[in-house]
Amino acid sequence: MSNSNTKEIAERLKGLREMMEISVADMAAAAGVDEKTYLAYESGEKDFSVTFLYNCAGKCGVDVTALLTGYTPTLSSYSIVRAGQGVLTERRHMFSYQHLAQNFRGRTAEPFYVTAPYEKGAEDKPIPLSAHKGQEMDYILSGSLMVNVAGNIDVLHAGDTIYYDSGQPHGMIAVGGAPCTFLAVVLKPEEK
């Protein structure tokens, strides 16, 4: 995510939080971070993760697209995102996430085209983990991906799919000396 894009998202996040009269403590708790870390995000000092933005949007009752772009999705019959035109964001380890349905209103899933860069030596370190409510499916398009879901580690290759409870700590890294591209579909939890 570019620095100017990070600042714009930070401004939207702060404005929305203040407009909704949500305290920093409540927003930080919803985002799963401490208040100091939350304020670093809100001031634009830290780059946003998809999980962080998804959790903040949920707390505010808005679509994550509103935070990413400043616009609320309006299409309800169908939506097309042309190659390379999805809303782009980055996540841990410089993963590139391209949203594939940002204009569709009332989505029950968040589809992403993800590029995970290969980092030499990363497979010898613990995989950074995150968690968010719902379920997730990842389908590998190219390369190889080492995944850790709740302490279970496996390597996926082109054509492989993993489906899991994303409330469990999970993380992934590209392995095999090349980047990995995959489709990630984050399914929102059912509302009770």
N, C-alpha and C. Protein backbone atom coordinates (compact mmCIF):
# COMPACT_ATOMS: atom_id res chain seq x y z
N MET A 1 0.86 -1.16 0.00
CA MET A 1 0.00 0.00 0.00
C MET A 1 0.90 1.22 0.00
N SER A 2 0.62 2.20 -0.81
CA SER A 2 1.46 3.39 -0.85
C SER A 2 1.25 4.19 0.43
N ASN A 3 2.24 5.02 0.76
CA ASN A 3 2.17 5.82 1.96
C ASN A 3 0.97 6.76 1.93
N SER A 4 0.67 7.38 0.76
CA SER A 4 -0.48 8.28 0.68
C SER A 4 -1.79 7.50 0.85
N ASN A 5 -1.84 6.27 0.32
CA ASN A 5 -3.02 5.44 0.48
C ASN A 5 -3.21 5.08 1.95
N THR A 6 -2.12 4.76 2.65
CA THR A 6 -2.19 4.45 4.08
C THR A 6 -2.73 5.65 4.85
N LYS A 7 -2.25 6.84 4.54
CA LYS A 7 -2.72 8.05 5.23
C LYS A 7 -4.20 8.30 4.97
N GLU A 8 -4.64 8.08 3.73
CA GLU A 8 -6.06 8.28 3.39
C GLU A 8 -6.95 7.30 4.16
N ILE A 9 -6.54 6.04 4.22
CA ILE A 9 -7.32 5.04 4.96
C ILE A 9 -7.33 5.40 6.45
N ALA A 10 -6.19 5.84 6.97
CA ALA A 10 -6.10 6.24 8.38
C ALA A 10 -7.06 7.38 8.68
N GLU A 11 -7.13 8.36 7.80
CA GLU A 11 -8.05 9.49 7.99
C GLU A 11 -9.50 9.02 7.97
N ARG A 12 -9.83 8.12 7.03
CA ARG A 12 -11.20 7.60 6.98
C ARG A 12 -11.54 6.82 8.24
N LEU A 13 -10.58 6.01 8.72
CA LEU A 13 -10.80 5.21 9.92
C LEU A 13 -11.05 6.10 11.13
N LYS A 14 -10.20 7.11 11.31
CA LYS A 14 -10.36 8.01 12.45
C LYS A 14 -11.68 8.76 12.36
N GLY A 15 -11.99 9.28 11.18
CA GLY A 15 -13.24 10.02 11.01
C GLY A 15 -14.46 9.16 11.29
N LEU A 16 -14.43 7.93 10.82
CA LEU A 16 -15.55 7.02 11.04
C LEU A 16 -15.69 6.67 12.52
N ARG A 17 -14.55 6.37 13.16
CA ARG A 17 -14.58 6.05 14.59
C ARG A 17 -15.16 7.20 15.40
N GLU A 18 -14.70 8.43 15.09
CA GLU A 18 -15.19 9.60 15.82
C GLU A 18 -16.66 9.86 15.54
N MET A 19 -17.07 9.73 14.28
CA MET A 19 -18.46 9.95 13.91
C MET A 19 -19.38 8.94 14.62
N MET A 20 -18.91 7.69 14.75
CA MET A 20 -19.70 6.65 15.39
C MET A 20 -19.59 6.70 16.92
N GLU A 21 -18.75 7.63 17.43
CA GLU A 21 -18.50 7.80 18.86
C GLU A 21 -18.03 6.51 19.51
N ILE A 22 -17.07 5.85 18.85
CA ILE A 22 -16.46 4.64 19.39
C ILE A 22 -15.13 5.03 20.01
N SER A 23 -14.89 4.61 21.23
CA SER A 23 -13.64 4.97 21.91
C SER A 23 -12.46 4.24 21.27
N VAL A 24 -11.28 4.80 21.48
CA VAL A 24 -10.05 4.16 20.99
C VAL A 24 -9.92 2.78 21.61
N ALA A 25 -10.24 2.66 22.90
CA ALA A 25 -10.14 1.37 23.60
C ALA A 25 -11.07 0.33 22.97
N ASP A 26 -12.30 0.72 22.67
CA ASP A 26 -13.25 -0.22 22.07
C ASP A 26 -12.83 -0.63 20.66
N MET A 27 -12.33 0.34 19.88
CA MET A 27 -11.90 0.02 18.52
C MET A 27 -10.66 -0.86 18.54
N ALA A 28 -9.74 -0.57 19.43
CA ALA A 28 -8.52 -1.40 19.55
C ALA A 28 -8.89 -2.83 19.92
N ALA A 29 -9.83 -2.99 20.85
CA ALA A 29 -10.26 -4.33 21.25
C ALA A 29 -10.90 -5.07 20.08
N ALA A 30 -11.73 -4.37 19.31
CA ALA A 30 -12.37 -5.00 18.15
C ALA A 30 -11.34 -5.39 17.10
N ALA A 31 -10.28 -4.59 16.95
CA ALA A 31 -9.24 -4.85 15.96
C ALA A 31 -8.24 -5.89 16.44
N GLY A 32 -8.27 -6.21 17.75
CA GLY A 32 -7.37 -7.22 18.29
C GLY A 32 -5.96 -6.70 18.55
N VAL A 33 -5.84 -5.40 18.82
CA VAL A 33 -4.53 -4.80 19.11
C VAL A 33 -4.65 -3.94 20.36
N ASP A 34 -3.50 -3.54 20.93
CA ASP A 34 -3.54 -2.64 22.08
C ASP A 34 -3.80 -1.21 21.57
N GLU A 35 -4.12 -0.30 22.51
CA GLU A 35 -4.47 1.07 22.12
C GLU A 35 -3.33 1.79 21.43
N LYS A 36 -2.10 1.60 21.88
CA LYS A 36 -0.95 2.27 21.28
C LYS A 36 -0.78 1.83 19.82
N THR A 37 -0.91 0.53 19.57
CA THR A 37 -0.81 0.02 18.20
C THR A 37 -1.95 0.54 17.35
N TYR A 38 -3.17 0.55 17.91
CA TYR A 38 -4.31 1.06 17.17
C TYR A 38 -4.07 2.52 16.75
N LEU A 39 -3.59 3.33 17.69
CA LEU A 39 -3.36 4.74 17.37
C LEU A 39 -2.27 4.92 16.31
N ALA A 40 -1.30 4.00 16.27
CA ALA A 40 -0.27 4.04 15.23
C ALA A 40 -0.91 3.76 13.86
N TYR A 41 -1.86 2.85 13.81
CA TYR A 41 -2.60 2.59 12.57
C TYR A 41 -3.43 3.83 12.19
N GLU A 42 -4.18 4.34 13.16
CA GLU A 42 -5.09 5.45 12.89
C GLU A 42 -4.36 6.73 12.49
N SER A 43 -3.10 6.87 12.89
CA SER A 43 -2.33 8.05 12.51
C SER A 43 -1.58 7.84 11.19
N GLY A 44 -1.66 6.62 10.64
CA GLY A 44 -1.00 6.33 9.37
C GLY A 44 0.45 5.93 9.51
N GLU A 45 0.91 5.69 10.75
CA GLU A 45 2.31 5.30 10.98
C GLU A 45 2.56 3.83 10.64
N LYS A 46 1.52 3.01 10.70
CA LYS A 46 1.64 1.58 10.40
C LYS A 46 0.78 1.25 9.18
N ASP A 47 1.30 0.33 8.34
CA ASP A 47 0.55 -0.15 7.19
C ASP A 47 -0.54 -1.10 7.66
N PHE A 48 -1.70 -1.03 7.03
CA PHE A 48 -2.85 -1.83 7.43
C PHE A 48 -2.78 -3.25 6.94
N SER A 49 -3.31 -4.17 7.74
CA SER A 49 -3.51 -5.54 7.30
C SER A 49 -4.97 -5.69 6.92
N VAL A 50 -5.27 -6.65 6.09
CA VAL A 50 -6.65 -6.91 5.69
C VAL A 50 -7.47 -7.29 6.93
N THR A 51 -6.91 -8.11 7.80
CA THR A 51 -7.62 -8.53 9.01
C THR A 51 -7.97 -7.34 9.89
N PHE A 52 -7.01 -6.43 10.08
CA PHE A 52 -7.24 -5.24 10.89
C PHE A 52 -8.41 -4.42 10.31
N LEU A 53 -8.36 -4.13 9.01
CA LEU A 53 -9.40 -3.33 8.38
C LEU A 53 -10.76 -4.03 8.43
N TYR A 54 -10.76 -5.33 8.22
CA TYR A 54 -11.99 -6.11 8.26
C TYR A 54 -12.62 -6.01 9.65
N ASN A 55 -11.80 -6.14 10.71
CA ASN A 55 -12.31 -6.05 12.08
C ASN A 55 -12.82 -4.66 12.42
N CYS A 56 -12.11 -3.62 11.97
CA CYS A 56 -12.55 -2.24 12.22
C CYS A 56 -13.85 -1.94 11.48
N ALA A 57 -13.94 -2.37 10.24
CA ALA A 57 -15.16 -2.15 9.46
C ALA A 57 -16.35 -2.83 10.14
N GLY A 58 -16.12 -4.05 10.64
CA GLY A 58 -17.18 -4.76 11.34
C GLY A 58 -17.65 -4.02 12.58
N LYS A 59 -16.72 -3.47 13.34
CA LYS A 59 -17.06 -2.72 14.55
C LYS A 59 -17.89 -1.49 14.21
N CYS A 60 -17.60 -0.87 13.08
CA CYS A 60 -18.31 0.34 12.66
C CYS A 60 -19.58 0.03 11.87
N GLY A 61 -19.77 -1.24 11.51
CA GLY A 61 -20.96 -1.61 10.76
C GLY A 61 -20.94 -1.15 9.31
N VAL A 62 -19.73 -1.05 8.73
CA VAL A 62 -19.61 -0.64 7.33
C VAL A 62 -18.89 -1.73 6.54
N ASP A 63 -18.97 -1.65 5.24
CA ASP A 63 -18.25 -2.54 4.36
C ASP A 63 -16.77 -2.14 4.37
N VAL A 64 -15.87 -3.10 4.33
CA VAL A 64 -14.44 -2.81 4.33
C VAL A 64 -14.04 -1.92 3.15
N THR A 65 -14.79 -1.98 2.06
CA THR A 65 -14.52 -1.14 0.90
C THR A 65 -14.61 0.34 1.26
N ALA A 66 -15.49 0.69 2.19
CA ALA A 66 -15.62 2.09 2.60
C ALA A 66 -14.32 2.59 3.22
N LEU A 67 -13.64 1.75 3.97
CA LEU A 67 -12.34 2.15 4.54
C LEU A 67 -11.26 2.19 3.48
N LEU A 68 -11.26 1.22 2.57
CA LEU A 68 -10.22 1.14 1.54
C LEU A 68 -10.32 2.27 0.52
N THR A 69 -11.55 2.61 0.12
CA THR A 69 -11.72 3.55 -0.99
C THR A 69 -12.45 4.83 -0.64
N GLY A 70 -13.21 4.84 0.45
CA GLY A 70 -14.04 5.99 0.78
C GLY A 70 -15.41 5.91 0.14
N TYR A 71 -15.67 4.85 -0.61
CA TYR A 71 -16.96 4.66 -1.26
C TYR A 71 -17.64 3.42 -0.73
N THR A 72 -18.95 3.47 -0.66
CA THR A 72 -19.73 2.31 -0.24
C THR A 72 -20.18 1.57 -1.49
N PRO A 73 -20.03 0.25 -1.50
CA PRO A 73 -20.47 -0.53 -2.67
C PRO A 73 -21.95 -0.31 -2.95
N THR A 74 -22.30 -0.27 -4.25
CA THR A 74 -23.69 0.01 -4.61
C THR A 74 -24.32 -1.07 -5.48
N LEU A 75 -23.52 -1.96 -6.05
CA LEU A 75 -24.06 -2.97 -6.96
C LEU A 75 -24.61 -4.15 -6.18
N SER A 76 -25.80 -4.62 -6.58
CA SER A 76 -26.38 -5.75 -5.86
C SER A 76 -26.79 -6.90 -6.76
N SER A 77 -26.75 -6.71 -8.07
CA SER A 77 -27.10 -7.78 -8.98
C SER A 77 -25.86 -8.56 -9.40
N TYR A 78 -24.83 -7.83 -9.83
CA TYR A 78 -23.55 -8.46 -10.15
C TYR A 78 -22.48 -7.38 -10.20
N SER A 79 -21.24 -7.81 -10.13
CA SER A 79 -20.11 -6.89 -10.15
C SER A 79 -18.97 -7.55 -10.92
N ILE A 80 -18.32 -6.79 -11.77
CA ILE A 80 -17.15 -7.29 -12.51
C ILE A 80 -15.95 -6.46 -12.10
N VAL A 81 -14.86 -7.13 -11.80
CA VAL A 81 -13.59 -6.46 -11.55
C VAL A 81 -12.64 -6.97 -12.62
N ARG A 82 -12.20 -6.08 -13.48
CA ARG A 82 -11.30 -6.45 -14.57
C ARG A 82 -9.91 -6.78 -14.03
N ALA A 83 -9.17 -7.57 -14.78
CA ALA A 83 -7.82 -8.00 -14.38
C ALA A 83 -6.99 -6.80 -13.94
N GLY A 84 -6.42 -6.92 -12.75
CA GLY A 84 -5.55 -5.88 -12.22
C GLY A 84 -6.24 -4.66 -11.67
N GLN A 85 -7.59 -4.64 -11.62
CA GLN A 85 -8.30 -3.45 -11.18
C GLN A 85 -8.97 -3.60 -9.82
N GLY A 86 -8.67 -4.67 -9.09
CA GLY A 86 -9.21 -4.81 -7.74
C GLY A 86 -8.54 -3.83 -6.81
N VAL A 87 -9.25 -3.44 -5.74
CA VAL A 87 -8.66 -2.56 -4.74
C VAL A 87 -7.49 -3.30 -4.12
N LEU A 88 -6.33 -2.66 -4.13
CA LEU A 88 -5.09 -3.30 -3.70
C LEU A 88 -4.73 -2.89 -2.28
N THR A 89 -4.35 -3.87 -1.48
CA THR A 89 -3.82 -3.59 -0.15
C THR A 89 -2.71 -4.59 0.12
N GLU A 90 -1.88 -4.29 1.10
CA GLU A 90 -0.81 -5.21 1.47
C GLU A 90 -1.05 -5.69 2.88
N ARG A 91 -0.45 -6.80 3.18
CA ARG A 91 -0.58 -7.42 4.48
C ARG A 91 0.79 -7.85 4.93
N ARG A 92 0.88 -8.54 6.03
CA ARG A 92 2.16 -8.96 6.58
C ARG A 92 3.09 -9.52 5.50
N HIS A 93 4.36 -9.31 5.67
CA HIS A 93 5.39 -9.81 4.75
C HIS A 93 5.18 -9.34 3.32
N MET A 94 4.61 -8.16 3.16
CA MET A 94 4.44 -7.57 1.84
C MET A 94 3.53 -8.38 0.93
N PHE A 95 2.64 -9.20 1.48
CA PHE A 95 1.65 -9.89 0.67
C PHE A 95 0.82 -8.82 -0.04
N SER A 96 0.47 -9.05 -1.27
CA SER A 96 -0.37 -8.14 -2.03
C SER A 96 -1.75 -8.77 -2.15
N TYR A 97 -2.78 -8.07 -1.68
CA TYR A 97 -4.16 -8.55 -1.73
C TYR A 97 -4.95 -7.65 -2.67
N GLN A 98 -5.55 -8.22 -3.70
CA GLN A 98 -6.38 -7.48 -4.64
C GLN A 98 -7.82 -7.94 -4.45
N HIS A 99 -8.68 -7.03 -3.96
CA HIS A 99 -10.07 -7.38 -3.71
C HIS A 99 -10.78 -7.60 -5.05
N LEU A 100 -11.55 -8.66 -5.15
CA LEU A 100 -12.19 -9.02 -6.41
C LEU A 100 -13.69 -8.75 -6.45
N ALA A 101 -14.23 -8.08 -5.43
CA ALA A 101 -15.67 -7.80 -5.44
C ALA A 101 -16.00 -6.51 -4.69
N GLN A 102 -15.10 -5.55 -4.74
CA GLN A 102 -15.25 -4.34 -3.92
C GLN A 102 -16.51 -3.53 -4.21
N ASN A 103 -17.10 -3.68 -5.38
CA ASN A 103 -18.28 -2.88 -5.73
C ASN A 103 -19.61 -3.55 -5.42
N PHE A 104 -19.56 -4.79 -4.93
CA PHE A 104 -20.79 -5.53 -4.67
C PHE A 104 -21.25 -5.28 -3.24
N ARG A 105 -22.49 -4.83 -3.10
CA ARG A 105 -23.06 -4.49 -1.80
C ARG A 105 -23.57 -5.75 -1.07
N GLY A 106 -23.36 -5.83 0.23
CA GLY A 106 -23.90 -6.92 1.03
C GLY A 106 -23.21 -8.26 0.81
N ARG A 107 -21.92 -8.23 0.52
CA ARG A 107 -21.18 -9.48 0.28
C ARG A 107 -21.25 -10.40 1.49
N THR A 108 -21.35 -11.70 1.23
CA THR A 108 -21.26 -12.70 2.30
C THR A 108 -19.85 -13.29 2.34
N ALA A 109 -19.01 -12.89 1.37
CA ALA A 109 -17.63 -13.35 1.32
C ALA A 109 -16.75 -12.23 0.78
N GLU A 110 -15.48 -12.28 1.13
CA GLU A 110 -14.49 -11.31 0.64
C GLU A 110 -13.48 -12.08 -0.20
N PRO A 111 -13.56 -11.99 -1.55
CA PRO A 111 -12.61 -12.70 -2.40
C PRO A 111 -11.38 -11.84 -2.74
N PHE A 112 -10.20 -12.46 -2.68
CA PHE A 112 -8.95 -11.76 -2.95
C PHE A 112 -8.07 -12.58 -3.89
N TYR A 113 -7.33 -11.89 -4.75
CA TYR A 113 -6.24 -12.48 -5.52
C TYR A 113 -4.99 -12.08 -4.75
N VAL A 114 -4.24 -13.05 -4.24
CA VAL A 114 -3.14 -12.79 -3.33
C VAL A 114 -1.81 -13.19 -3.96
N THR A 115 -0.82 -12.34 -3.80
CA THR A 115 0.54 -12.67 -4.19
C THR A 115 1.41 -12.65 -2.93
N ALA A 116 2.00 -13.81 -2.62
CA ALA A 116 2.90 -13.93 -1.48
C ALA A 116 4.33 -13.99 -2.03
N PRO A 117 5.18 -13.03 -1.70
CA PRO A 117 6.55 -13.07 -2.22
C PRO A 117 7.36 -14.15 -1.52
N TYR A 118 8.34 -14.68 -2.21
CA TYR A 118 9.25 -15.64 -1.58
C TYR A 118 10.32 -14.84 -0.84
N GLU A 119 10.56 -15.19 0.42
CA GLU A 119 11.62 -14.58 1.22
C GLU A 119 12.57 -15.68 1.67
N LYS A 120 13.78 -15.65 1.16
CA LYS A 120 14.76 -16.68 1.50
C LYS A 120 14.93 -16.74 3.02
N GLY A 121 14.87 -17.95 3.56
CA GLY A 121 15.04 -18.17 4.99
C GLY A 121 13.77 -18.07 5.81
N ALA A 122 12.67 -17.60 5.21
CA ALA A 122 11.42 -17.45 5.97
C ALA A 122 10.90 -18.79 6.49
N GLU A 123 11.16 -19.87 5.73
CA GLU A 123 10.66 -21.18 6.16
C GLU A 123 11.40 -21.70 7.39
N ASP A 124 12.50 -21.05 7.77
CA ASP A 124 13.25 -21.46 8.95
C ASP A 124 12.84 -20.67 10.20
N LYS A 125 11.88 -19.77 10.05
CA LYS A 125 11.40 -18.94 11.16
C LYS A 125 9.93 -19.27 11.43
N PRO A 126 9.44 -18.92 12.61
CA PRO A 126 8.01 -19.12 12.86
C PRO A 126 7.17 -18.28 11.88
N ILE A 127 6.08 -18.84 11.43
CA ILE A 127 5.18 -18.13 10.51
C ILE A 127 4.33 -17.18 11.34
N PRO A 128 4.31 -15.87 10.98
CA PRO A 128 3.44 -14.93 11.70
C PRO A 128 1.99 -15.34 11.56
N LEU A 129 1.24 -15.28 12.65
CA LEU A 129 -0.15 -15.75 12.66
C LEU A 129 -1.11 -14.60 12.92
N SER A 130 -2.33 -14.75 12.43
CA SER A 130 -3.42 -13.82 12.73
C SER A 130 -4.70 -14.65 12.82
N ALA A 131 -5.78 -14.01 13.21
CA ALA A 131 -7.07 -14.70 13.29
C ALA A 131 -8.18 -13.67 13.08
N HIS A 132 -9.27 -14.11 12.50
CA HIS A 132 -10.45 -13.27 12.33
C HIS A 132 -11.66 -14.18 12.27
N LYS A 133 -12.80 -13.66 12.64
CA LYS A 133 -14.02 -14.46 12.66
C LYS A 133 -14.37 -14.94 11.26
N GLY A 134 -14.94 -16.13 11.18
CA GLY A 134 -15.41 -16.67 9.92
C GLY A 134 -14.64 -17.90 9.48
N GLN A 135 -14.68 -18.13 8.20
CA GLN A 135 -13.97 -19.26 7.59
C GLN A 135 -13.24 -18.73 6.37
N GLU A 136 -12.26 -19.50 5.89
CA GLU A 136 -11.49 -19.07 4.73
C GLU A 136 -11.15 -20.26 3.84
N MET A 137 -11.12 -20.00 2.55
CA MET A 137 -10.69 -21.00 1.58
C MET A 137 -9.59 -20.36 0.74
N ASP A 138 -8.48 -21.07 0.58
CA ASP A 138 -7.37 -20.61 -0.26
C ASP A 138 -7.11 -21.66 -1.33
N TYR A 139 -7.10 -21.23 -2.60
CA TYR A 139 -6.84 -22.11 -3.74
C TYR A 139 -5.55 -21.64 -4.41
N ILE A 140 -4.55 -22.52 -4.46
CA ILE A 140 -3.23 -22.15 -4.97
C ILE A 140 -3.25 -22.15 -6.50
N LEU A 141 -2.85 -21.02 -7.09
CA LEU A 141 -2.79 -20.87 -8.54
C LEU A 141 -1.39 -21.19 -9.07
N SER A 142 -0.36 -20.69 -8.39
CA SER A 142 1.02 -20.97 -8.81
C SER A 142 1.94 -20.90 -7.60
N GLY A 143 3.05 -21.62 -7.69
CA GLY A 143 4.01 -21.64 -6.59
C GLY A 143 3.59 -22.59 -5.49
N SER A 144 4.24 -22.44 -4.34
CA SER A 144 3.97 -23.29 -3.18
C SER A 144 3.80 -22.42 -1.95
N LEU A 145 2.90 -22.82 -1.06
CA LEU A 145 2.56 -22.06 0.12
C LEU A 145 2.63 -22.95 1.35
N MET A 146 3.45 -22.56 2.33
CA MET A 146 3.47 -23.27 3.60
C MET A 146 2.44 -22.59 4.50
N VAL A 147 1.51 -23.39 5.02
CA VAL A 147 0.45 -22.85 5.87
C VAL A 147 0.55 -23.43 7.28
N ASN A 148 0.18 -22.60 8.24
CA ASN A 148 0.10 -23.02 9.63
C ASN A 148 -1.30 -22.64 10.09
N VAL A 149 -2.12 -23.64 10.40
CA VAL A 149 -3.46 -23.41 10.94
C VAL A 149 -3.51 -24.10 12.29
N ALA A 150 -3.57 -23.30 13.34
CA ALA A 150 -3.65 -23.82 14.72
C ALA A 150 -2.53 -24.80 15.02
N GLY A 151 -1.32 -24.51 14.51
CA GLY A 151 -0.17 -25.36 14.80
C GLY A 151 0.02 -26.51 13.83
N ASN A 152 -0.90 -26.72 12.93
CA ASN A 152 -0.78 -27.76 11.91
C ASN A 152 -0.14 -27.14 10.67
N ILE A 153 1.02 -27.66 10.27
CA ILE A 153 1.78 -27.09 9.17
C ILE A 153 1.77 -28.04 7.98
N ASP A 154 1.52 -27.48 6.79
CA ASP A 154 1.51 -28.26 5.56
C ASP A 154 1.96 -27.36 4.42
N VAL A 155 2.35 -27.97 3.30
CA VAL A 155 2.73 -27.22 2.11
C VAL A 155 1.74 -27.53 1.01
N LEU A 156 1.21 -26.46 0.40
CA LEU A 156 0.25 -26.58 -0.69
C LEU A 156 0.93 -26.18 -1.99
N HIS A 157 0.50 -26.80 -3.09
CA HIS A 157 1.06 -26.53 -4.41
C HIS A 157 -0.08 -26.16 -5.36
N ALA A 158 0.26 -25.72 -6.57
CA ALA A 158 -0.74 -25.30 -7.55
C ALA A 158 -1.83 -26.37 -7.68
N GLY A 159 -3.08 -25.92 -7.58
CA GLY A 159 -4.22 -26.82 -7.67
C GLY A 159 -4.74 -27.29 -6.32
N ASP A 160 -3.95 -27.10 -5.25
CA ASP A 160 -4.38 -27.51 -3.91
C ASP A 160 -5.29 -26.44 -3.30
N THR A 161 -6.15 -26.89 -2.39
CA THR A 161 -7.08 -26.00 -1.69
C THR A 161 -7.03 -26.31 -0.20
N ILE A 162 -7.14 -25.27 0.61
CA ILE A 162 -7.31 -25.44 2.05
C ILE A 162 -8.52 -24.64 2.47
N TYR A 163 -9.33 -25.21 3.35
CA TYR A 163 -10.52 -24.55 3.89
C TYR A 163 -10.41 -24.67 5.41
N TYR A 164 -10.58 -23.56 6.13
CA TYR A 164 -10.36 -23.61 7.58
C TYR A 164 -11.17 -22.56 8.33
N ASP A 165 -11.26 -22.79 9.65
CA ASP A 165 -11.87 -21.85 10.57
C ASP A 165 -10.85 -20.73 10.79
N SER A 166 -11.12 -19.55 10.25
CA SER A 166 -10.14 -18.46 10.34
C SER A 166 -10.11 -17.81 11.72
N GLY A 167 -10.95 -18.27 12.63
CA GLY A 167 -10.85 -17.83 14.01
C GLY A 167 -9.67 -18.49 14.71
N GLN A 168 -9.15 -19.55 14.11
CA GLN A 168 -7.94 -20.22 14.61
C GLN A 168 -6.72 -19.43 14.15
N PRO A 169 -5.67 -19.35 14.97
CA PRO A 169 -4.46 -18.66 14.51
C PRO A 169 -3.95 -19.33 13.23
N HIS A 170 -3.70 -18.51 12.21
CA HIS A 170 -3.25 -19.04 10.93
C HIS A 170 -2.29 -18.07 10.25
N GLY A 171 -1.44 -18.62 9.42
CA GLY A 171 -0.50 -17.80 8.67
C GLY A 171 0.07 -18.61 7.52
N MET A 172 0.76 -17.93 6.62
CA MET A 172 1.29 -18.61 5.44
C MET A 172 2.49 -17.85 4.89
N ILE A 173 3.37 -18.60 4.22
CA ILE A 173 4.51 -18.01 3.54
C ILE A 173 4.75 -18.77 2.23
N ALA A 174 5.28 -18.07 1.24
CA ALA A 174 5.67 -18.73 0.00
C ALA A 174 6.96 -19.50 0.25
N VAL A 175 7.05 -20.71 -0.30
CA VAL A 175 8.25 -21.53 -0.19
C VAL A 175 8.61 -22.07 -1.57
N GLY A 176 9.76 -22.69 -1.68
CA GLY A 176 10.16 -23.30 -2.95
C GLY A 176 10.91 -22.37 -3.87
N GLY A 177 11.35 -21.22 -3.37
CA GLY A 177 12.18 -20.33 -4.17
C GLY A 177 11.45 -19.41 -5.12
N ALA A 178 10.11 -19.36 -5.08
CA ALA A 178 9.35 -18.50 -5.99
C ALA A 178 8.12 -17.93 -5.27
N PRO A 179 7.58 -16.82 -5.76
CA PRO A 179 6.34 -16.30 -5.18
C PRO A 179 5.20 -17.30 -5.35
N CYS A 180 4.16 -17.12 -4.57
CA CYS A 180 2.97 -17.96 -4.68
C CYS A 180 1.77 -17.05 -4.91
N THR A 181 0.92 -17.41 -5.86
CA THR A 181 -0.33 -16.68 -6.07
C THR A 181 -1.48 -17.61 -5.73
N PHE A 182 -2.50 -17.06 -5.10
CA PHE A 182 -3.65 -17.88 -4.74
C PHE A 182 -4.90 -17.03 -4.62
N LEU A 183 -6.04 -17.68 -4.73
CA LEU A 183 -7.33 -17.05 -4.47
C LEU A 183 -7.69 -17.32 -3.02
N ALA A 184 -8.00 -16.27 -2.29
CA ALA A 184 -8.43 -16.39 -0.90
C ALA A 184 -9.87 -15.89 -0.82
N VAL A 185 -10.74 -16.69 -0.26
CA VAL A 185 -12.13 -16.30 -0.07
C VAL A 185 -12.41 -16.35 1.43
N VAL A 186 -12.64 -15.17 2.01
CA VAL A 186 -12.93 -15.06 3.44
C VAL A 186 -14.45 -15.02 3.58
N LEU A 187 -14.99 -15.99 4.30
CA LEU A 187 -16.44 -16.08 4.51
C LEU A 187 -16.79 -15.48 5.84
N LYS A 188 -17.71 -14.57 5.83
CA LYS A 188 -18.12 -13.90 7.05
C LYS A 188 -18.92 -14.85 7.94
N PRO A 189 -18.81 -14.69 9.25
CA PRO A 189 -19.60 -15.56 10.13
C PRO A 189 -21.08 -15.26 9.98
N GLU A 190 -21.91 -16.29 10.21
CA GLU A 190 -23.35 -16.10 10.15
C GLU A 190 -23.79 -15.23 11.30
N GLU A 191 -24.69 -14.29 11.01
CA GLU A 191 -25.21 -13.43 12.06
C GLU A 191 -26.31 -14.19 12.79
N LYS A 192 -26.30 -14.04 14.11
CA LYS A 192 -27.29 -14.77 14.92
C LYS A 192 -28.46 -13.90 15.20
